[in-house]
Amino acid sequence: MIKEIENVIDSEIRPYLKEHYGDIELLGVKDGVVEIKLIGQCSGCPSAKYTVEDVIESNLKEKIPGIKKVILVNEVSQELLDMARKILNGNMQVV
């Protein structure tokens, strides 16, 4: 199933996201639930939820029977976490 998902991502989803300077990473699949991460400009975008529902999930469900849901995994970079800790601890000035 992973290969099928990657094919749909490459042919249908990735070109759409590239138009918005974004991309997608397939993290895993278990029991018909697909976990993804949006990267580039799509990462953290306020419209990400709608992109997942209206573009990604709908395409995958239409092309691959057995896909039940697509879950967006929002990961925060270690660099951002370190910067937040410094600010909260008063070790870094916010400009």
PDB file of N, CA and C in Angstrom:
ATOM      1  N   MET A   1       0.810  -1.195   0.000  1.00  0.00           N
ATOM      2  CA  MET A   1       0.000   0.000   0.000  1.00  0.00           C
ATOM      3  C   MET A   1       0.858   1.266   0.000  1.00  0.00           C
ATOM      4  N   ILE A   2       2.028   1.198   0.622  1.00  0.00           N
ATOM      5  CA  ILE A   2       2.906   2.365   0.682  1.00  0.00           C
ATOM      6  C   ILE A   2       3.312   2.822  -0.712  1.00  0.00           C
ATOM      7  N   LYS A   3       3.647   1.863  -1.571  1.00  0.00           N
ATOM      8  CA  LYS A   3       4.057   2.217  -2.938  1.00  0.00           C
ATOM      9  C   LYS A   3       2.914   2.905  -3.680  1.00  0.00           C
ATOM     10  N   GLU A   4       1.691   2.412  -3.503  1.00  0.00           N
ATOM     11  CA  GLU A   4       0.525   3.040  -4.132  1.00  0.00           C
ATOM     12  C   GLU A   4       0.337   4.472  -3.632  1.00  0.00           C
ATOM     13  N   ILE A   5       0.489   4.656  -2.338  1.00  0.00           N
ATOM     14  CA  ILE A   5       0.343   5.993  -1.743  1.00  0.00           C
ATOM     15  C   ILE A   5       1.409   6.928  -2.298  1.00  0.00           C
ATOM     16  N   GLU A   6       2.647   6.448  -2.348  1.00  0.00           N
ATOM     17  CA  GLU A   6       3.738   7.273  -2.875  1.00  0.00           C
ATOM     18  C   GLU A   6       3.485   7.648  -4.335  1.00  0.00           C
ATOM     19  N   ASN A   7       2.917   6.731  -5.117  1.00  0.00           N
ATOM     20  CA  ASN A   7       2.605   7.030  -6.515  1.00  0.00           C
ATOM     21  C   ASN A   7       1.562   8.138  -6.632  1.00  0.00           C
ATOM     22  N   VAL A   8       0.519   8.077  -5.802  1.00  0.00           N
ATOM     23  CA  VAL A   8      -0.514   9.117  -5.819  1.00  0.00           C
ATOM     24  C   VAL A   8       0.072  10.445  -5.350  1.00  0.00           C
ATOM     25  N   ILE A   9       0.890  10.390  -4.325  1.00  0.00           N
ATOM     26  CA  ILE A   9       1.544  11.611  -3.840  1.00  0.00           C
ATOM     27  C   ILE A   9       2.372  12.238  -4.956  1.00  0.00           C
ATOM     28  N   ASP A  10       3.177  11.429  -5.621  1.00  0.00           N
ATOM     29  CA  ASP A  10       4.053  11.952  -6.673  1.00  0.00           C
ATOM     30  C   ASP A  10       3.291  12.496  -7.875  1.00  0.00           C
ATOM     31  N   SER A  11       2.210  11.820  -8.254  1.00  0.00           N
ATOM     32  CA  SER A  11       1.507  12.217  -9.478  1.00  0.00           C
ATOM     33  C   SER A  11       0.406  13.254  -9.259  1.00  0.00           C
ATOM     34  N   GLU A  12      -0.251  13.237  -8.114  1.00  0.00           N
ATOM     35  CA  GLU A  12      -1.413  14.098  -7.894  1.00  0.00           C
ATOM     36  C   GLU A  12      -1.199  15.191  -6.842  1.00  0.00           C
ATOM     37  N   ILE A  13      -0.585  14.827  -5.737  1.00  0.00           N
ATOM     38  CA  ILE A  13      -0.540  15.732  -4.584  1.00  0.00           C
ATOM     39  C   ILE A  13       0.684  16.641  -4.604  1.00  0.00           C
ATOM     40  N   ARG A  14       1.838  16.072  -4.804  1.00  0.00           N
ATOM     41  CA  ARG A  14       3.078  16.855  -4.770  1.00  0.00           C
ATOM     42  C   ARG A  14       3.081  18.011  -5.781  1.00  0.00           C
ATOM     43  N   PRO A  15       2.638  17.785  -7.030  1.00  0.00           N
ATOM     44  CA  PRO A  15       2.610  18.917  -7.974  1.00  0.00           C
ATOM     45  C   PRO A  15       1.744  20.085  -7.473  1.00  0.00           C
ATOM     46  N   TYR A  16       0.612  19.766  -6.852  1.00  0.00           N
ATOM     47  CA  TYR A  16      -0.253  20.808  -6.293  1.00  0.00           C
ATOM     48  C   TYR A  16       0.470  21.570  -5.185  1.00  0.00           C
ATOM     49  N   LEU A  17       1.101  20.840  -4.273  1.00  0.00           N
ATOM     50  CA  LEU A  17       1.789  21.488  -3.160  1.00  0.00           C
ATOM     51  C   LEU A  17       2.978  22.315  -3.636  1.00  0.00           C
ATOM     52  N   LYS A  18       3.675  21.843  -4.661  1.00  0.00           N
ATOM     53  CA  LYS A  18       4.829  22.572  -5.211  1.00  0.00           C
ATOM     54  C   LYS A  18       4.408  23.939  -5.751  1.00  0.00           C
ATOM     55  N   GLU A  19       3.172  24.035  -6.283  1.00  0.00           N
ATOM     56  CA  GLU A  19       2.665  25.326  -6.760  1.00  0.00           C
ATOM     57  C   GLU A  19       2.576  26.339  -5.625  1.00  0.00           C
ATOM     58  N   HIS A  20       2.489  25.838  -4.396  1.00  0.00           N
ATOM     59  CA  HIS A  20       2.394  26.686  -3.209  1.00  0.00           C
ATOM     60  C   HIS A  20       3.699  26.658  -2.408  1.00  0.00           C
ATOM     61  N   TYR A  21       4.771  26.237  -3.057  1.00  0.00           N
ATOM     62  CA  TYR A  21       6.117  26.170  -2.462  1.00  0.00           C
ATOM     63  C   TYR A  21       6.176  25.241  -1.254  1.00  0.00           C
ATOM     64  N   GLY A  22       5.396  24.184  -1.307  1.00  0.00           N
ATOM     65  CA  GLY A  22       5.387  23.215  -0.224  1.00  0.00           C
ATOM     66  C   GLY A  22       5.663  21.819  -0.739  1.00  0.00           C
ATOM     67  N   ASP A  23       5.651  20.886   0.166  1.00  0.00           N
ATOM     68  CA  ASP A  23       5.872  19.488  -0.176  1.00  0.00           C
ATOM     69  C   ASP A  23       5.259  18.629   0.916  1.00  0.00           C
ATOM     70  N   ILE A  24       5.363  17.330   0.735  1.00  0.00           N
ATOM     71  CA  ILE A  24       4.754  16.377   1.655  1.00  0.00           C
ATOM     72  C   ILE A  24       5.728  15.242   1.918  1.00  0.00           C
ATOM     73  N   GLU A  25       5.680  14.726   3.128  1.00  0.00           N
ATOM     74  CA  GLU A  25       6.491  13.565   3.496  1.00  0.00           C
ATOM     75  C   GLU A  25       5.555  12.511   4.076  1.00  0.00           C
ATOM     76  N   LEU A  26       5.624  11.307   3.530  1.00  0.00           N
ATOM     77  CA  LEU A  26       4.846  10.187   4.044  1.00  0.00           C
ATOM     78  C   LEU A  26       5.592   9.606   5.229  1.00  0.00           C
ATOM     79  N   LEU A  27       4.954   9.612   6.391  1.00  0.00           N
ATOM     80  CA  LEU A  27       5.600   9.116   7.603  1.00  0.00           C
ATOM     81  C   LEU A  27       5.294   7.651   7.868  1.00  0.00           C
ATOM     82  N   GLY A  28       4.080   7.227   7.502  1.00  0.00           N
ATOM     83  CA  GLY A  28       3.733   5.831   7.729  1.00  0.00           C
ATOM     84  C   GLY A  28       2.270   5.553   7.456  1.00  0.00           C
ATOM     85  N   VAL A  29       1.944   4.272   7.441  1.00  0.00           N
ATOM     86  CA  VAL A  29       0.577   3.819   7.216  1.00  0.00           C
ATOM     87  C   VAL A  29       0.309   2.656   8.154  1.00  0.00           C
ATOM     88  N   LYS A  30      -0.835   2.709   8.831  1.00  0.00           N
ATOM     89  CA  LYS A  30      -1.210   1.598   9.712  1.00  0.00           C
ATOM     90  C   LYS A  30      -2.722   1.493   9.738  1.00  0.00           C
ATOM     91  N   ASP A  31      -3.229   0.328   9.388  1.00  0.00           N
ATOM     92  CA  ASP A  31      -4.667   0.047   9.403  1.00  0.00           C
ATOM     93  C   ASP A  31      -5.476   1.076   8.609  1.00  0.00           C
ATOM     94  N   GLY A  32      -4.955   1.484   7.460  1.00  0.00           N
ATOM     95  CA  GLY A  32      -5.667   2.428   6.604  1.00  0.00           C
ATOM     96  C   GLY A  32      -5.545   3.884   7.001  1.00  0.00           C
ATOM     97  N   VAL A  33      -4.764   4.149   8.033  1.00  0.00           N
ATOM     98  CA  VAL A  33      -4.534   5.524   8.484  1.00  0.00           C
ATOM     99  C   VAL A  33      -3.146   5.955   8.016  1.00  0.00           C
ATOM    100  N   VAL A  34      -3.119   7.039   7.234  1.00  0.00           N
ATOM    101  CA  VAL A  34      -1.883   7.542   6.650  1.00  0.00           C
ATOM    102  C   VAL A  34      -1.407   8.736   7.466  1.00  0.00           C
ATOM    103  N   GLU A  35      -0.154   8.700   7.883  1.00  0.00           N
ATOM    104  CA  GLU A  35       0.430   9.827   8.606  1.00  0.00           C
ATOM    105  C   GLU A  35       1.369  10.568   7.670  1.00  0.00           C
ATOM    106  N   ILE A  36       1.179  11.883   7.603  1.00  0.00           N
ATOM    107  CA  ILE A  36       2.001  12.710   6.728  1.00  0.00           C
ATOM    108  C   ILE A  36       2.540  13.913   7.486  1.00  0.00           C
ATOM    109  N   LYS A  37       3.502  14.553   6.875  1.00  0.00           N
ATOM    110  CA  LYS A  37       4.035  15.812   7.373  1.00  0.00           C
ATOM    111  C   LYS A  37       4.114  16.758   6.185  1.00  0.00           C
ATOM    112  N   LEU A  38       3.625  17.971   6.346  1.00  0.00           N
ATOM    113  CA  LEU A  38       3.760  18.978   5.309  1.00  0.00           C
ATOM    114  C   LEU A  38       5.048  19.750   5.559  1.00  0.00           C
ATOM    115  N   ILE A  39       5.778  20.041   4.492  1.00  0.00           N
ATOM    116  CA  ILE A  39       7.042  20.754   4.620  1.00  0.00           C
ATOM    117  C   ILE A  39       7.064  21.947   3.665  1.00  0.00           C
ATOM    118  N   GLY A  40       8.080  22.752   3.788  1.00  0.00           N
ATOM    119  CA  GLY A  40       8.161  23.962   2.981  1.00  0.00           C
ATOM    120  C   GLY A  40       7.131  24.969   3.463  1.00  0.00           C
ATOM    121  N   GLN A  41       6.586  25.744   2.538  1.00  0.00           N
ATOM    122  CA  GLN A  41       5.613  26.779   2.891  1.00  0.00           C
ATOM    123  C   GLN A  41       4.312  26.194   3.442  1.00  0.00           C
ATOM    124  N   CYS A  42       4.066  24.931   3.184  1.00  0.00           N
ATOM    125  CA  CYS A  42       2.825  24.304   3.672  1.00  0.00           C
ATOM    126  C   CYS A  42       2.908  23.964   5.164  1.00  0.00           C
ATOM    127  N   SER A  43       4.113  23.869   5.684  1.00  0.00           N
ATOM    128  CA  SER A  43       4.293  23.551   7.092  1.00  0.00           C
ATOM    129  C   SER A  43       3.828  24.723   7.948  1.00  0.00           C
ATOM    130  N   GLY A  44       2.881  24.468   8.801  1.00  0.00           N
ATOM    131  CA  GLY A  44       2.383  25.501   9.698  1.00  0.00           C
ATOM    132  C   GLY A  44       1.430  26.487   9.042  1.00  0.00           C
ATOM    133  N   CYS A  45       1.073  26.266   7.803  1.00  0.00           N
ATOM    134  CA  CYS A  45       0.142  27.149   7.093  1.00  0.00           C
ATOM    135  C   CYS A  45      -1.237  27.057   7.739  1.00  0.00           C
ATOM    136  N   PRO A  46      -1.923  28.179   7.902  1.00  0.00           N
ATOM    137  CA  PRO A  46      -3.271  28.147   8.480  1.00  0.00           C
ATOM    138  C   PRO A  46      -4.250  27.300   7.661  1.00  0.00           C
ATOM    139  N   SER A  47      -3.988  27.132   6.380  1.00  0.00           N
ATOM    140  CA  SER A  47      -4.877  26.347   5.519  1.00  0.00           C
ATOM    141  C   SER A  47      -4.488  24.872   5.447  1.00  0.00           C
ATOM    142  N   ALA A  48      -3.494  24.470   6.202  1.00  0.00           N
ATOM    143  CA  ALA A  48      -2.994  23.091   6.125  1.00  0.00           C
ATOM    144  C   ALA A  48      -4.091  22.062   6.388  1.00  0.00           C
ATOM    145  N   LYS A  49      -4.946  22.335   7.354  1.00  0.00           N
ATOM    146  CA  LYS A  49      -6.028  21.398   7.681  1.00  0.00           C
ATOM    147  C   LYS A  49      -6.917  21.158   6.458  1.00  0.00           C
ATOM    148  N   TYR A  50      -7.236  22.220   5.745  1.00  0.00           N
ATOM    149  CA  TYR A  50      -8.090  22.102   4.565  1.00  0.00           C
ATOM    150  C   TYR A  50      -7.352  21.441   3.408  1.00  0.00           C
ATOM    151  N   THR A  51      -6.068  21.701   3.299  1.00  0.00           N
ATOM    152  CA  THR A  51      -5.263  21.046   2.260  1.00  0.00           C
ATOM    153  C   THR A  51      -5.252  19.543   2.497  1.00  0.00           C
ATOM    154  N   VAL A  52      -5.097  19.145   3.753  1.00  0.00           N
ATOM    155  CA  VAL A  52      -5.085  17.721   4.080  1.00  0.00           C
ATOM    156  C   VAL A  52      -6.437  17.099   3.741  1.00  0.00           C
ATOM    157  N   GLU A  53      -7.510  17.731   4.152  1.00  0.00           N
ATOM    158  CA  GLU A  53      -8.849  17.166   3.930  1.00  0.00           C
ATOM    159  C   GLU A  53      -9.256  17.214   2.456  1.00  0.00           C
ATOM    160  N   ASP A  54      -9.132  18.387   1.841  1.00  0.00           N
ATOM    161  CA  ASP A  54      -9.678  18.602   0.502  1.00  0.00           C
ATOM    162  C   ASP A  54      -8.785  18.114  -0.633  1.00  0.00           C
ATOM    163  N   VAL A  55      -7.494  18.079  -0.415  1.00  0.00           N
ATOM    164  CA  VAL A  55      -6.579  17.689  -1.490  1.00  0.00           C
ATOM    165  C   VAL A  55      -5.970  16.308  -1.225  1.00  0.00           C
ATOM    166  N   ILE A  56      -5.336  16.161  -0.090  1.00  0.00           N
ATOM    167  CA  ILE A  56      -4.558  14.953   0.179  1.00  0.00           C
ATOM    168  C   ILE A  56      -5.463  13.762   0.488  1.00  0.00           C
ATOM    169  N   GLU A  57      -6.294  13.897   1.516  1.00  0.00           N
ATOM    170  CA  GLU A  57      -7.141  12.778   1.922  1.00  0.00           C
ATOM    171  C   GLU A  57      -8.119  12.388   0.816  1.00  0.00           C
ATOM    172  N   SER A  58      -8.732  13.361   0.173  1.00  0.00           N
ATOM    173  CA  SER A  58      -9.708  13.043  -0.874  1.00  0.00           C
ATOM    174  C   SER A  58      -9.049  12.323  -2.056  1.00  0.00           C
ATOM    175  N   ASN A  59      -7.855  12.756  -2.449  1.00  0.00           N
ATOM    176  CA  ASN A  59      -7.135  12.081  -3.539  1.00  0.00           C
ATOM    177  C   ASN A  59      -6.759  10.655  -3.169  1.00  0.00           C
ATOM    178  N   LEU A  60      -6.228  10.481  -1.971  1.00  0.00           N
ATOM    179  CA  LEU A  60      -5.800   9.144  -1.560  1.00  0.00           C
ATOM    180  C   LEU A  60      -6.986   8.195  -1.429  1.00  0.00           C
ATOM    181  N   LYS A  61      -8.082   8.667  -0.824  1.00  0.00           N
ATOM    182  CA  LYS A  61      -9.261   7.814  -0.670  1.00  0.00           C
ATOM    183  C   LYS A  61      -9.868   7.440  -2.025  1.00  0.00           C
ATOM    184  N   GLU A  62      -9.860   8.390  -2.946  1.00  0.00           N
ATOM    185  CA  GLU A  62     -10.418   8.142  -4.271  1.00  0.00           C
ATOM    186  C   GLU A  62      -9.604   7.113  -5.056  1.00  0.00           C
ATOM    187  N   LYS A  63      -8.287   7.172  -4.927  1.00  0.00           N
ATOM    188  CA  LYS A  63      -7.410   6.323  -5.735  1.00  0.00           C
ATOM    189  C   LYS A  63      -7.069   4.984  -5.085  1.00  0.00           C
ATOM    190  N   ILE A  64      -7.141   4.939  -3.741  1.00  0.00           N
ATOM    191  CA  ILE A  64      -6.696   3.730  -3.039  1.00  0.00           C
ATOM    192  C   ILE A  64      -7.768   3.265  -2.054  1.00  0.00           C
ATOM    193  N   PRO A  65      -8.464   2.182  -2.403  1.00  0.00           N
ATOM    194  CA  PRO A  65      -9.429   1.627  -1.451  1.00  0.00           C
ATOM    195  C   PRO A  65      -8.688   1.170  -0.178  1.00  0.00           C
ATOM    196  N   GLY A  66      -9.282   1.395   0.918  1.00  0.00           N
ATOM    197  CA  GLY A  66      -8.649   0.978   2.174  1.00  0.00           C
ATOM    198  C   GLY A  66      -8.077   2.136   2.963  1.00  0.00           C
ATOM    199  N   ILE A  67      -7.942   3.302   2.336  1.00  0.00           N
ATOM    200  CA  ILE A  67      -7.485   4.478   3.086  1.00  0.00           C
ATOM    201  C   ILE A  67      -8.679   5.010   3.862  1.00  0.00           C
ATOM    202  N   LYS A  68      -8.527   5.080   5.183  1.00  0.00           N
ATOM    203  CA  LYS A  68      -9.617   5.532   6.043  1.00  0.00           C
ATOM    204  C   LYS A  68      -9.478   6.997   6.432  1.00  0.00           C
ATOM    205  N   LYS A  69      -8.239   7.394   6.684  1.00  0.00           N
ATOM    206  CA  LYS A  69      -8.009   8.739   7.209  1.00  0.00           C
ATOM    207  C   LYS A  69      -6.569   9.151   6.934  1.00  0.00           C
ATOM    208  N   VAL A  70      -6.367  10.461   6.833  1.00  0.00           N
ATOM    209  CA  VAL A  70      -5.024  11.020   6.721  1.00  0.00           C
ATOM    210  C   VAL A  70      -4.820  11.934   7.916  1.00  0.00           C
ATOM    211  N   ILE A  71      -3.742  11.697   8.631  1.00  0.00           N
ATOM    212  CA  ILE A  71      -3.431  12.483   9.823  1.00  0.00           C
ATOM    213  C   ILE A  71      -2.197  13.334   9.553  1.00  0.00           C
ATOM    214  N   LEU A  72      -2.327  14.626   9.832  1.00  0.00           N
ATOM    215  CA  LEU A  72      -1.209  15.552   9.702  1.00  0.00           C
ATOM    216  C   LEU A  72      -0.441  15.566  11.007  1.00  0.00           C
ATOM    217  N   VAL A  73       0.832  15.224  10.936  1.00  0.00           N
ATOM    218  CA  VAL A  73       1.702  15.243  12.106  1.00  0.00           C
ATOM    219  C   VAL A  73       2.489  16.544  12.055  1.00  0.00           C
ATOM    220  N   ASN A  74       2.258  17.396  13.037  1.00  0.00           N
ATOM    221  CA  ASN A  74       2.977  18.667  13.106  1.00  0.00           C
ATOM    222  C   ASN A  74       4.160  18.513  14.043  1.00  0.00           C
ATOM    223  N   GLU A  75       5.317  18.521  13.456  1.00  0.00           N
ATOM    224  CA  GLU A  75       6.527  18.413  14.257  1.00  0.00           C
ATOM    225  C   GLU A  75       7.193  19.776  14.326  1.00  0.00           C
ATOM    226  N   VAL A  76       7.689  20.104  15.495  1.00  0.00           N
ATOM    227  CA  VAL A  76       8.401  21.358  15.684  1.00  0.00           C
ATOM    228  C   VAL A  76       9.886  21.044  15.658  1.00  0.00           C
ATOM    229  N   SER A  77      10.644  21.851  14.928  1.00  0.00           N
ATOM    230  CA  SER A  77      12.077  21.604  14.813  1.00  0.00           C
ATOM    231  C   SER A  77      12.777  21.825  16.149  1.00  0.00           C
ATOM    232  N   GLN A  78      13.874  21.132  16.338  1.00  0.00           N
ATOM    233  CA  GLN A  78      14.659  21.275  17.560  1.00  0.00           C
ATOM    234  C   GLN A  78      15.187  22.699  17.693  1.00  0.00           C
ATOM    235  N   GLU A  79      15.536  23.310  16.582  1.00  0.00           N
ATOM    236  CA  GLU A  79      16.027  24.695  16.590  1.00  0.00           C
ATOM    237  C   GLU A  79      14.968  25.644  17.156  1.00  0.00           C
ATOM    238  N   LEU A  80      13.727  25.481  16.735  1.00  0.00           N
ATOM    239  CA  LEU A  80      12.651  26.327  17.231  1.00  0.00           C
ATOM    240  C   LEU A  80      12.401  26.080  18.720  1.00  0.00           C
ATOM    241  N   LEU A  81      12.454  24.830  19.140  1.00  0.00           N
ATOM    242  CA  LEU A  81      12.285  24.516  20.562  1.00  0.00           C
ATOM    243  C   LEU A  81      13.388  25.144  21.406  1.00  0.00           C
ATOM    244  N   ASP A  82      14.633  25.061  20.930  1.00  0.00           N
ATOM    245  CA  ASP A  82      15.765  25.655  21.657  1.00  0.00           C
ATOM    246  C   ASP A  82      15.613  27.169  21.773  1.00  0.00           C
ATOM    247  N   MET A  83      15.188  27.815  20.690  1.00  0.00           N
ATOM    248  CA  MET A  83      14.999  29.259  20.705  1.00  0.00           C
ATOM    249  C   MET A  83      13.888  29.633  21.689  1.00  0.00           C
ATOM    250  N   ALA A  84      12.800  28.883  21.694  1.00  0.00           N
ATOM    251  CA  ALA A  84      11.699  29.161  22.614  1.00  0.00           C
ATOM    252  C   ALA A  84      12.159  29.023  24.059  1.00  0.00           C
ATOM    253  N   ARG A  85      12.964  28.009  24.341  1.00  0.00           N
ATOM    254  CA  ARG A  85      13.476  27.823  25.710  1.00  0.00           C
ATOM    255  C   ARG A  85      14.324  29.018  26.136  1.00  0.00           C
ATOM    256  N   LYS A  86      15.181  29.486  25.233  1.00  0.00           N
ATOM    257  CA  LYS A  86      16.038  30.640  25.545  1.00  0.00           C
ATOM    258  C   LYS A  86      15.199  31.877  25.835  1.00  0.00           C
ATOM    259  N   ILE A  87      14.175  32.103  25.018  1.00  0.00           N
ATOM    260  CA  ILE A  87      13.309  33.268  25.228  1.00  0.00           C
ATOM    261  C   ILE A  87      12.581  33.159  26.555  1.00  0.00           C
ATOM    262  N   LEU A  88      12.020  31.995  26.831  1.00  0.00           N
ATOM    263  CA  LEU A  88      11.262  31.801  28.064  1.00  0.00           C
ATOM    264  C   LEU A  88      12.154  31.869  29.305  1.00  0.00           C
ATOM    265  N   ASN A  89      13.398  31.493  29.166  1.00  0.00           N
ATOM    266  CA  ASN A  89      14.337  31.550  30.296  1.00  0.00           C
ATOM    267  C   ASN A  89      15.008  32.915  30.419  1.00  0.00           C
ATOM    268  N   GLY A  90      14.685  33.833  29.515  1.00  0.00           N
ATOM    269  CA  GLY A  90      15.258  35.171  29.572  1.00  0.00           C
ATOM    270  C   GLY A  90      16.679  35.253  29.041  1.00  0.00           C
ATOM    271  N   ASN A  91      17.119  34.213  28.328  1.00  0.00           N
ATOM    272  CA  ASN A  91      18.485  34.182  27.807  1.00  0.00           C
ATOM    273  C   ASN A  91      18.591  34.734  26.383  1.00  0.00           C
ATOM    274  N   MET A  92      17.483  35.181  25.848  1.00  0.00           N
ATOM    275  CA  MET A  92      17.509  35.669  24.473  1.00  0.00           C
ATOM    276  C   MET A  92      16.516  36.813  24.356  1.00  0.00           C
ATOM    277  N   GLN A  93      16.943  37.850  23.704  1.00  0.00           N
ATOM    278  CA  GLN A  93      16.090  39.010  23.535  1.00  0.00           C
ATOM    279  C   GLN A  93      15.280  38.868  22.252  1.00  0.00           C
ATOM    280  N   VAL A  94      13.994  39.144  22.345  1.00  0.00           N
ATOM    281  CA  VAL A  94      13.119  39.093  21.178  1.00  0.00           C
ATOM    282  C   VAL A  94      13.226  40.427  20.453  1.00  0.00           C
ATOM    283  N   VAL A  95      13.491  40.362  19.158  1.00  0.00           N
ATOM    284  CA  VAL A  95      13.668  41.595  18.366  1.00  0.00           C
ATOM    285  C   VAL A  95      12.388  41.928  17.666  1.00  0.00           C
TER     286      VAL A  95
END
